[in-house]
Amino acid sequence: SVIFGPCRQAVLLVLVLMTFCFHEAATSCSKSCYCSENEGSGKTVRCSNLQLTEIPQDIPNDTRRIYLDFNLFTTVPADAFAGLPHVVELDLSHNELSQLEPGAFRGLGSSLQFLDLSYNKLVHFNPEAFEGLQARANLTNNPWHCDCNLQMAMPRVDLEPASLAGIVCQTSDPEEIGVQGIAFLLAPDVDLCVVMKRTTDVAMLVVMFGWFTMVISYLVYYVRANQEDARRHLEYLKSLPSRQGKSEESSTISTVV
């Protein structure tokens, strides 16, 4: 025990140092970003206006607020904020975002309270990107395209309903529906799926007509084929007596001879 005592102490010391290092690595500030910590609000990481093109992957896991506004992000990849379970506010405004991949905010659902995506270039609303989020979101000042996909996607997200009022239609499909310039949530009587429904109805009618035509054609073919077989069979039956008479005449001649 005298010999191994110092060894155990050394091992314990190494473990303590490693734990301290890992803790420091996990809670230190992200490179090139500014961090501050308040006893009441927790740690804040500010990466604003740094010309960043990718979401930083070294944000401390005890961060409560993240400001990534005024950068050059074009997309938020899946699991971009994984391992950040305490974030309550995330600011991605004033970027070049045109795509939010499925699972972009995965891992933030239980803690996130506010998400700012304003002043970007988001056109299509992807409900899979907001999977699990129940936060309030700022979706204003994006060139949203309102179509049937958007109409079907909106009920699939758990964002606060008021957040969806920020989706103001810059373009729409069909164009003549008249929703440009208004918040789609405020136009509940508008049905952007009407064209798709009509197209589906027309397609169903075409398919039904095609099947009906095939059935009729088969029936006509079947009836004509049966009529032809019946006619041949009837002609064959009519020809039987004459052949039998000829054979009787032949047998009579043979008998006389």
C-alpha atoms as a PDB file:
ATOM      1  CA  SER A   1       0.000   0.000   0.000  1.00  0.00           C
ATOM      2  CA  VAL A   2       2.972   2.281   0.629  1.00  0.00           C
ATOM      3  CA  ILE A   3       4.203   1.640  -2.914  1.00  0.00           C
ATOM      4  CA  PHE A   4       0.872   2.051  -4.693  1.00  0.00           C
ATOM      5  CA  GLY A   5      -0.349   5.025  -2.647  1.00  0.00           C
ATOM      6  CA  PRO A   6       1.551   7.667  -4.659  1.00  0.00           C
ATOM      7  CA  CYS A   7       0.422   6.006  -7.911  1.00  0.00           C
ATOM      8  CA  ARG A   8      -3.221   6.262  -6.901  1.00  0.00           C
ATOM      9  CA  GLN A   9      -2.739   9.885  -5.979  1.00  0.00           C
ATOM     10  CA  ALA A  10      -1.114  10.567  -9.346  1.00  0.00           C
ATOM     11  CA  VAL A  11      -3.978   8.875 -11.182  1.00  0.00           C
ATOM     12  CA  LEU A  12      -6.531  10.892  -9.227  1.00  0.00           C
ATOM     13  CA  LEU A  13      -4.622  14.077 -10.009  1.00  0.00           C
ATOM     14  CA  VAL A  14      -4.599  13.259 -13.732  1.00  0.00           C
ATOM     15  CA  LEU A  15      -8.347  12.558 -13.694  1.00  0.00           C
ATOM     16  CA  VAL A  16      -9.040  15.860 -11.932  1.00  0.00           C
ATOM     17  CA  LEU A  17      -6.902  17.738 -14.458  1.00  0.00           C
ATOM     18  CA  MET A  18      -8.622  16.014 -17.396  1.00  0.00           C
ATOM     19  CA  THR A  19     -12.061  16.814 -15.985  1.00  0.00           C
ATOM     20  CA  PHE A  20     -11.026  20.431 -15.521  1.00  0.00           C
ATOM     21  CA  CYS A  21      -9.678  20.621 -19.078  1.00  0.00           C
ATOM     22  CA  PHE A  22     -12.824  19.090 -20.574  1.00  0.00           C
ATOM     23  CA  HIS A  23     -14.962  21.486 -18.559  1.00  0.00           C
ATOM     24  CA  GLU A  24     -12.914  24.441 -19.752  1.00  0.00           C
ATOM     25  CA  ALA A  25     -13.142  23.211 -23.373  1.00  0.00           C
ATOM     26  CA  ALA A  26     -16.894  22.858 -23.092  1.00  0.00           C
ATOM     27  CA  THR A  27     -17.495  26.220 -21.434  1.00  0.00           C
ATOM     28  CA  SER A  28     -14.824  28.415 -23.044  1.00  0.00           C
ATOM     29  CA  CYS A  29     -15.863  30.974 -25.616  1.00  0.00           C
ATOM     30  CA  SER A  30     -16.189  30.217 -29.319  1.00  0.00           C
ATOM     31  CA  LYS A  31     -13.214  31.292 -31.412  1.00  0.00           C
ATOM     32  CA  SER A  32     -13.585  34.783 -32.919  1.00  0.00           C
ATOM     33  CA  CYS A  33     -16.813  35.384 -30.979  1.00  0.00           C
ATOM     34  CA  TYR A  34     -17.373  37.514 -27.921  1.00  0.00           C
ATOM     35  CA  CYS A  35     -18.738  35.901 -24.770  1.00  0.00           C
ATOM     36  CA  SER A  36     -20.259  37.452 -21.714  1.00  0.00           C
ATOM     37  CA  GLU A  37     -21.869  35.943 -18.674  1.00  0.00           C
ATOM     38  CA  ASN A  38     -24.489  37.338 -16.378  1.00  0.00           C
ATOM     39  CA  GLU A  39     -25.553  35.751 -13.151  1.00  0.00           C
ATOM     40  CA  GLY A  40     -29.218  36.170 -14.044  1.00  0.00           C
ATOM     41  CA  SER A  41     -29.267  35.485 -17.813  1.00  0.00           C
ATOM     42  CA  GLY A  42     -26.342  33.071 -18.153  1.00  0.00           C
ATOM     43  CA  LYS A  43     -23.753  32.955 -20.936  1.00  0.00           C
ATOM     44  CA  THR A  44     -24.218  34.947 -24.141  1.00  0.00           C
ATOM     45  CA  VAL A  45     -22.203  34.282 -27.308  1.00  0.00           C
ATOM     46  CA  ARG A  46     -22.076  37.128 -29.819  1.00  0.00           C
ATOM     47  CA  CYS A  47     -20.833  36.359 -33.339  1.00  0.00           C
ATOM     48  CA  SER A  48     -22.540  39.289 -35.023  1.00  0.00           C
ATOM     49  CA  ASN A  49     -21.227  40.978 -38.164  1.00  0.00           C
ATOM     50  CA  LEU A  50     -18.155  38.766 -38.569  1.00  0.00           C
ATOM     51  CA  GLN A  51     -18.670  37.762 -42.233  1.00  0.00           C
ATOM     52  CA  LEU A  52     -19.122  34.134 -41.160  1.00  0.00           C
ATOM     53  CA  THR A  53     -20.259  31.662 -43.816  1.00  0.00           C
ATOM     54  CA  GLU A  54     -20.734  28.594 -41.589  1.00  0.00           C
ATOM     55  CA  ILE A  55     -22.381  28.097 -38.215  1.00  0.00           C
ATOM     56  CA  PRO A  56     -19.634  27.871 -35.544  1.00  0.00           C
ATOM     57  CA  GLN A  57     -19.273  24.392 -34.094  1.00  0.00           C
ATOM     58  CA  ASP A  58     -17.367  25.396 -30.944  1.00  0.00           C
ATOM     59  CA  ILE A  59     -20.138  27.251 -29.122  1.00  0.00           C
ATOM     60  CA  PRO A  60     -19.985  26.369 -25.404  1.00  0.00           C
ATOM     61  CA  ASN A  61     -22.651  23.931 -24.304  1.00  0.00           C
ATOM     62  CA  ASP A  62     -23.742  26.129 -21.387  1.00  0.00           C
ATOM     63  CA  THR A  63     -24.690  29.007 -23.699  1.00  0.00           C
ATOM     64  CA  ARG A  64     -28.080  30.607 -23.171  1.00  0.00           C
ATOM     65  CA  ARG A  65     -28.179  33.212 -25.959  1.00  0.00           C
ATOM     66  CA  ILE A  66     -26.548  33.111 -29.409  1.00  0.00           C
ATOM     67  CA  TYR A  67     -26.346  36.081 -31.766  1.00  0.00           C
ATOM     68  CA  LEU A  68     -25.294  35.177 -35.316  1.00  0.00           C
ATOM     69  CA  ASP A  69     -26.919  38.128 -37.068  1.00  0.00           C
ATOM     70  CA  PHE A  70     -25.396  40.158 -39.895  1.00  0.00           C
ATOM     71  CA  ASN A  71     -23.281  37.342 -41.335  1.00  0.00           C
ATOM     72  CA  LEU A  72     -23.203  35.470 -44.658  1.00  0.00           C
ATOM     73  CA  PHE A  73     -24.900  32.170 -43.843  1.00  0.00           C
ATOM     74  CA  THR A  74     -26.809  30.693 -46.786  1.00  0.00           C
ATOM     75  CA  THR A  75     -28.030  27.524 -45.097  1.00  0.00           C
ATOM     76  CA  VAL A  76     -28.531  26.002 -41.668  1.00  0.00           C
ATOM     77  CA  PRO A  77     -27.461  22.341 -41.883  1.00  0.00           C
ATOM     78  CA  ALA A  78     -28.988  19.508 -39.886  1.00  0.00           C
ATOM     79  CA  ASP A  79     -27.938  19.382 -36.221  1.00  0.00           C
ATOM     80  CA  ALA A  80     -26.177  22.744 -36.511  1.00  0.00           C
ATOM     81  CA  PHE A  81     -26.943  23.452 -32.849  1.00  0.00           C
ATOM     82  CA  ALA A  82     -26.736  19.936 -31.427  1.00  0.00           C
ATOM     83  CA  GLY A  83     -25.295  19.767 -27.920  1.00  0.00           C
ATOM     84  CA  LEU A  84     -26.695  23.151 -26.880  1.00  0.00           C
ATOM     85  CA  PRO A  85     -29.575  22.171 -24.604  1.00  0.00           C
ATOM     86  CA  HIS A  86     -29.777  25.458 -22.669  1.00  0.00           C
ATOM     87  CA  VAL A  87     -30.226  28.002 -25.487  1.00  0.00           C
ATOM     88  CA  VAL A  88     -33.286  30.196 -24.983  1.00  0.00           C
ATOM     89  CA  GLU A  89     -32.648  32.744 -27.751  1.00  0.00           C
ATOM     90  CA  LEU A  90     -31.123  32.318 -31.216  1.00  0.00           C
ATOM     91  CA  ASP A  91     -30.679  35.243 -33.605  1.00  0.00           C
ATOM     92  CA  LEU A  92     -29.992  34.424 -37.278  1.00  0.00           C
ATOM     93  CA  SER A  93     -31.438  37.606 -38.725  1.00  0.00           C
ATOM     94  CA  HIS A  94     -29.867  39.674 -41.520  1.00  0.00           C
ATOM     95  CA  ASN A  95     -28.103  36.795 -43.256  1.00  0.00           C
ATOM     96  CA  GLU A  96     -28.364  35.203 -46.707  1.00  0.00           C
ATOM     97  CA  LEU A  97     -30.339  32.161 -45.591  1.00  0.00           C
ATOM     98  CA  SER A  98     -32.250  30.507 -48.405  1.00  0.00           C
ATOM     99  CA  GLN A  99     -32.412  26.951 -47.031  1.00  0.00           C
ATOM    100  CA  LEU A 100     -33.137  25.329 -43.698  1.00  0.00           C
ATOM    101  CA  GLU A 101     -32.306  21.640 -43.830  1.00  0.00           C
ATOM    102  CA  PRO A 102     -34.470  19.061 -42.030  1.00  0.00           C
ATOM    103  CA  GLY A 103     -33.435  18.948 -38.375  1.00  0.00           C
ATOM    104  CA  ALA A 104     -31.691  22.336 -38.588  1.00  0.00           C
ATOM    105  CA  PHE A 105     -32.746  23.240 -35.044  1.00  0.00           C
ATOM    106  CA  ARG A 106     -32.856  19.727 -33.628  1.00  0.00           C
ATOM    107  CA  GLY A 107     -31.888  19.678 -29.966  1.00  0.00           C
ATOM    108  CA  LEU A 108     -33.207  23.174 -29.206  1.00  0.00           C
ATOM    109  CA  GLY A 109     -36.852  22.225 -28.917  1.00  0.00           C
ATOM    110  CA  SER A 110     -37.122  21.904 -25.161  1.00  0.00           C
ATOM    111  CA  SER A 111     -35.355  25.154 -24.241  1.00  0.00           C
ATOM    112  CA  LEU A 112     -35.596  27.615 -27.144  1.00  0.00           C
ATOM    113  CA  GLN A 113     -38.028  30.465 -26.542  1.00  0.00           C
ATOM    114  CA  PHE A 114     -37.258  32.868 -29.394  1.00  0.00           C
ATOM    115  CA  LEU A 115     -35.874  32.305 -32.916  1.00  0.00           C
ATOM    116  CA  ASP A 116     -35.150  35.229 -35.209  1.00  0.00           C
ATOM    117  CA  LEU A 117     -34.984  34.430 -38.938  1.00  0.00           C
ATOM    118  CA  SER A 118     -36.019  37.841 -40.208  1.00  0.00           C
ATOM    119  CA  TYR A 119     -34.335  39.636 -43.098  1.00  0.00           C
ATOM    120  CA  ASN A 120     -33.125  36.554 -44.939  1.00  0.00           C
ATOM    121  CA  LYS A 121     -33.884  34.986 -48.328  1.00  0.00           C
ATOM    122  CA  LEU A 122     -36.187  32.184 -47.275  1.00  0.00           C
ATOM    123  CA  VAL A 123     -38.635  31.287 -50.028  1.00  0.00           C
ATOM    124  CA  HIS A 124     -39.949  27.815 -49.190  1.00  0.00           C
ATOM    125  CA  PHE A 125     -41.214  26.843 -45.753  1.00  0.00           C
ATOM    126  CA  ASN A 126     -39.768  23.510 -44.620  1.00  0.00           C
ATOM    127  CA  PRO A 127     -41.688  22.158 -41.590  1.00  0.00           C
ATOM    128  CA  GLU A 128     -39.034  19.483 -40.972  1.00  0.00           C
ATOM    129  CA  ALA A 129     -36.517  22.211 -40.144  1.00  0.00           C
ATOM    130  CA  PHE A 130     -38.662  23.318 -37.179  1.00  0.00           C
ATOM    131  CA  GLU A 131     -39.146  19.811 -35.833  1.00  0.00           C
ATOM    132  CA  GLY A 132     -39.940  19.905 -32.112  1.00  0.00           C
ATOM    133  CA  LEU A 133     -39.769  23.702 -31.772  1.00  0.00           C
ATOM    134  CA  GLN A 134     -42.505  25.386 -29.756  1.00  0.00           C
ATOM    135  CA  ALA A 135     -40.794  28.760 -29.678  1.00  0.00           C
ATOM    136  CA  ARG A 136     -41.870  32.176 -30.856  1.00  0.00           C
ATOM    137  CA  ALA A 137     -40.251  32.904 -34.220  1.00  0.00           C
ATOM    138  CA  ASN A 138     -39.727  36.049 -36.258  1.00  0.00           C
ATOM    139  CA  LEU A 139     -40.216  35.043 -39.908  1.00  0.00           C
ATOM    140  CA  THR A 140     -40.788  38.501 -41.335  1.00  0.00           C
ATOM    141  CA  ASN A 141     -39.002  40.134 -44.267  1.00  0.00           C
ATOM    142  CA  ASN A 142     -38.347  36.992 -46.271  1.00  0.00           C
ATOM    143  CA  PRO A 143     -39.468  36.493 -49.916  1.00  0.00           C
ATOM    144  CA  TRP A 144     -41.910  33.713 -49.027  1.00  0.00           C
ATOM    145  CA  HIS A 145     -43.554  31.782 -51.852  1.00  0.00           C
ATOM    146  CA  CYS A 146     -47.090  30.766 -50.915  1.00  0.00           C
ATOM    147  CA  ASP A 147     -48.324  27.584 -52.560  1.00  0.00           C
ATOM    148  CA  CYS A 148     -50.083  24.324 -51.751  1.00  0.00           C
ATOM    149  CA  ASN A 149     -46.946  22.925 -50.084  1.00  0.00           C
ATOM    150  CA  LEU A 150     -46.905  25.857 -47.670  1.00  0.00           C
ATOM    151  CA  GLN A 151     -50.607  25.450 -46.949  1.00  0.00           C
ATOM    152  CA  MET A 152     -50.147  21.777 -46.089  1.00  0.00           C
ATOM    153  CA  ALA A 153     -46.936  22.417 -44.095  1.00  0.00           C
ATOM    154  CA  MET A 154     -48.204  25.071 -41.694  1.00  0.00           C
ATOM    155  CA  PRO A 155     -50.391  22.741 -39.575  1.00  0.00           C
ATOM    156  CA  ARG A 156     -47.416  20.421 -39.115  1.00  0.00           C
ATOM    157  CA  VAL A 157     -45.301  22.844 -37.027  1.00  0.00           C
ATOM    158  CA  ASP A 158     -45.597  23.586 -33.308  1.00  0.00           C
ATOM    159  CA  LEU A 159     -44.302  27.152 -33.453  1.00  0.00           C
ATOM    160  CA  GLU A 160     -46.419  29.744 -31.667  1.00  0.00           C
ATOM    161  CA  PRO A 161     -49.307  30.550 -34.068  1.00  0.00           C
ATOM    162  CA  ALA A 162     -48.496  34.256 -34.037  1.00  0.00           C
ATOM    163  CA  SER A 163     -45.087  33.411 -35.519  1.00  0.00           C
ATOM    164  CA  LEU A 164     -46.673  32.183 -38.746  1.00  0.00           C
ATOM    165  CA  ALA A 165     -48.229  35.607 -39.280  1.00  0.00           C
ATOM    166  CA  GLY A 166     -44.742  36.682 -40.337  1.00  0.00           C
ATOM    167  CA  ILE A 167     -45.056  34.643 -43.556  1.00  0.00           C
ATOM    168  CA  VAL A 168     -46.055  37.364 -45.996  1.00  0.00           C
ATOM    169  CA  CYS A 169     -46.494  36.109 -49.549  1.00  0.00           C
ATOM    170  CA  GLN A 170     -44.182  37.771 -52.055  1.00  0.00           C
ATOM    171  CA  THR A 171     -45.119  35.288 -54.789  1.00  0.00           C
ATOM    172  CA  SER A 172     -47.824  32.654 -55.011  1.00  0.00           C
ATOM    173  CA  ASP A 173     -48.966  29.672 -57.019  1.00  0.00           C
ATOM    174  CA  PRO A 174     -51.458  30.115 -58.561  1.00  0.00           C
ATOM    175  CA  GLU A 175     -50.654  33.781 -59.148  1.00  0.00           C
ATOM    176  CA  GLU A 176     -54.273  34.815 -59.641  1.00  0.00           C
ATOM    177  CA  ILE A 177     -55.256  33.710 -56.143  1.00  0.00           C
ATOM    178  CA  GLY A 178     -54.476  37.212 -54.876  1.00  0.00           C
ATOM    179  CA  VAL A 179     -52.348  36.669 -51.757  1.00  0.00           C
ATOM    180  CA  GLN A 180     -49.277  38.676 -52.734  1.00  0.00           C
ATOM    181  CA  GLY A 181     -48.371  41.201 -50.076  1.00  0.00           C
ATOM    182  CA  ILE A 182     -50.506  39.744 -47.310  1.00  0.00           C
ATOM    183  CA  ALA A 183     -49.802  37.381 -44.437  1.00  0.00           C
ATOM    184  CA  PHE A 184     -51.003  33.953 -45.501  1.00  0.00           C
ATOM    185  CA  LEU A 185     -52.215  33.191 -41.977  1.00  0.00           C
ATOM    186  CA  LEU A 186     -54.598  36.147 -42.272  1.00  0.00           C
ATOM    187  CA  ALA A 187     -56.188  34.712 -45.434  1.00  0.00           C
ATOM    188  CA  PRO A 188     -57.832  31.550 -44.069  1.00  0.00           C
ATOM    189  CA  ASP A 189     -60.392  31.345 -46.888  1.00  0.00           C
ATOM    190  CA  VAL A 190     -57.699  31.149 -49.561  1.00  0.00           C
ATOM    191  CA  ASP A 191     -57.143  27.642 -50.928  1.00  0.00           C
ATOM    192  CA  LEU A 192     -53.800  27.340 -52.686  1.00  0.00           C
ATOM    193  CA  CYS A 193     -54.376  23.635 -53.268  1.00  0.00           C
ATOM    194  CA  VAL A 194     -57.391  24.212 -55.499  1.00  0.00           C
ATOM    195  CA  VAL A 195     -55.322  23.859 -58.685  1.00  0.00           C
ATOM    196  CA  MET A 196     -53.715  20.669 -57.412  1.00  0.00           C
ATOM    197  CA  LYS A 197     -57.130  19.324 -56.467  1.00  0.00           C
ATOM    198  CA  ARG A 198     -58.472  20.160 -59.923  1.00  0.00           C
ATOM    199  CA  THR A 199     -55.447  18.576 -61.546  1.00  0.00           C
ATOM    200  CA  THR A 200     -55.934  15.483 -59.395  1.00  0.00           C
ATOM    201  CA  ASP A 201     -59.627  15.337 -60.303  1.00  0.00           C
ATOM    202  CA  VAL A 202     -58.836  15.678 -64.002  1.00  0.00           C
ATOM    203  CA  ALA A 203     -56.161  12.981 -63.728  1.00  0.00           C
ATOM    204  CA  MET A 204     -58.633  10.668 -61.996  1.00  0.00           C
ATOM    205  CA  LEU A 205     -61.230  11.319 -64.698  1.00  0.00           C
ATOM    206  CA  VAL A 206     -58.661  10.599 -67.418  1.00  0.00           C
ATOM    207  CA  VAL A 207     -57.637   7.366 -65.699  1.00  0.00           C
ATOM    208  CA  MET A 208     -61.257   6.311 -65.216  1.00  0.00           C
ATOM    209  CA  PHE A 209     -62.057   7.134 -68.848  1.00  0.00           C
ATOM    210  CA  GLY A 210     -59.027   5.130 -69.962  1.00  0.00           C
ATOM    211  CA  TRP A 211     -60.098   2.102 -67.931  1.00  0.00           C
ATOM    212  CA  PHE A 212     -63.670   2.452 -69.161  1.00  0.00           C
ATOM    213  CA  THR A 213     -62.454   2.595 -72.760  1.00  0.00           C
ATOM    214  CA  MET A 214     -60.295  -0.486 -72.224  1.00  0.00           C
ATOM    215  CA  VAL A 215     -63.199  -2.415 -70.697  1.00  0.00           C
ATOM    216  CA  ILE A 216     -65.571  -1.441 -73.525  1.00  0.00           C
ATOM    217  CA  SER A 217     -62.940  -2.318 -76.135  1.00  0.00           C
ATOM    218  CA  TYR A 218     -62.398  -5.716 -74.517  1.00  0.00           C
ATOM    219  CA  LEU A 219     -66.133  -6.402 -74.370  1.00  0.00           C
ATOM    220  CA  VAL A 220     -66.546  -5.443 -78.041  1.00  0.00           C
ATOM    221  CA  TYR A 221     -63.612  -7.670 -78.984  1.00  0.00           C
ATOM    222  CA  TYR A 222     -64.970 -10.521 -76.863  1.00  0.00           C
ATOM    223  CA  VAL A 223     -68.473 -10.276 -78.382  1.00  0.00           C
ATOM    224  CA  ARG A 224     -67.149 -10.096 -81.951  1.00  0.00           C
ATOM    225  CA  ALA A 225     -64.799 -13.015 -81.361  1.00  0.00           C
ATOM    226  CA  ASN A 226     -67.687 -15.105 -79.990  1.00  0.00           C
ATOM    227  CA  GLN A 227     -69.903 -14.121 -82.902  1.00  0.00           C
ATOM    228  CA  GLU A 228     -67.197 -15.160 -85.350  1.00  0.00           C
ATOM    229  CA  ASP A 229     -66.725 -18.497 -83.585  1.00  0.00           C
ATOM    230  CA  ALA A 230     -70.475 -19.047 -83.539  1.00  0.00           C
ATOM    231  CA  ARG A 231     -70.732 -18.256 -87.263  1.00  0.00           C
ATOM    232  CA  ARG A 232     -67.961 -20.712 -88.119  1.00  0.00           C
ATOM    233  CA  HIS A 233     -69.493 -23.371 -85.943  1.00  0.00           C
ATOM    234  CA  LEU A 234     -72.891 -22.832 -87.556  1.00  0.00           C
ATOM    235  CA  GLU A 235     -71.403 -23.087 -91.046  1.00  0.00           C
ATOM    236  CA  TYR A 236     -69.671 -26.266 -89.995  1.00  0.00           C
ATOM    237  CA  LEU A 237     -72.948 -27.727 -88.734  1.00  0.00           C
ATOM    238  CA  LYS A 238     -74.723 -26.764 -91.948  1.00  0.00           C
ATOM    239  CA  SER A 239     -72.077 -28.498 -93.971  1.00  0.00           C
ATOM    240  CA  LEU A 240     -72.445 -31.799 -92.120  1.00  0.00           C
ATOM    241  CA  PRO A 241     -75.669 -33.123 -93.907  1.00  0.00           C
ATOM    242  CA  SER A 242     -74.287 -32.488 -97.394  1.00  0.00           C
ATOM    243  CA  ARG A 243     -71.118 -34.375 -96.576  1.00  0.00           C
ATOM    244  CA  GLN A 244     -73.150 -37.227 -95.105  1.00  0.00           C
ATOM    245  CA  GLY A 245     -75.342 -37.354 -98.278  1.00  0.00           C
ATOM    246  CA  LYS A 246     -72.304 -37.554-100.482  1.00  0.00           C
ATOM    247  CA  SER A 247     -70.876 -40.382 -98.460  1.00  0.00           C
ATOM    248  CA  GLU A 248     -74.242 -42.288 -98.693  1.00  0.00           C
ATOM    249  CA  GLU A 249     -74.287 -41.843-102.499  1.00  0.00           C
ATOM    250  CA  SER A 250     -70.756 -43.152-102.712  1.00  0.00           C
ATOM    251  CA  SER A 251     -71.592 -46.218-100.632  1.00  0.00           C
ATOM    252  CA  THR A 252     -74.714 -46.895-102.807  1.00  0.00           C
ATOM    253  CA  ILE A 253     -72.685 -46.739-106.023  1.00  0.00           C
ATOM    254  CA  SER A 254     -70.157 -49.088-104.531  1.00  0.00           C
ATOM    255  CA  THR A 255     -72.895 -51.566-103.599  1.00  0.00           C
ATOM    256  CA  VAL A 256     -74.442 -51.530-107.095  1.00  0.00           C
ATOM    257  CA  VAL A 257     -71.095 -52.127-108.710  1.00  0.00           C
END
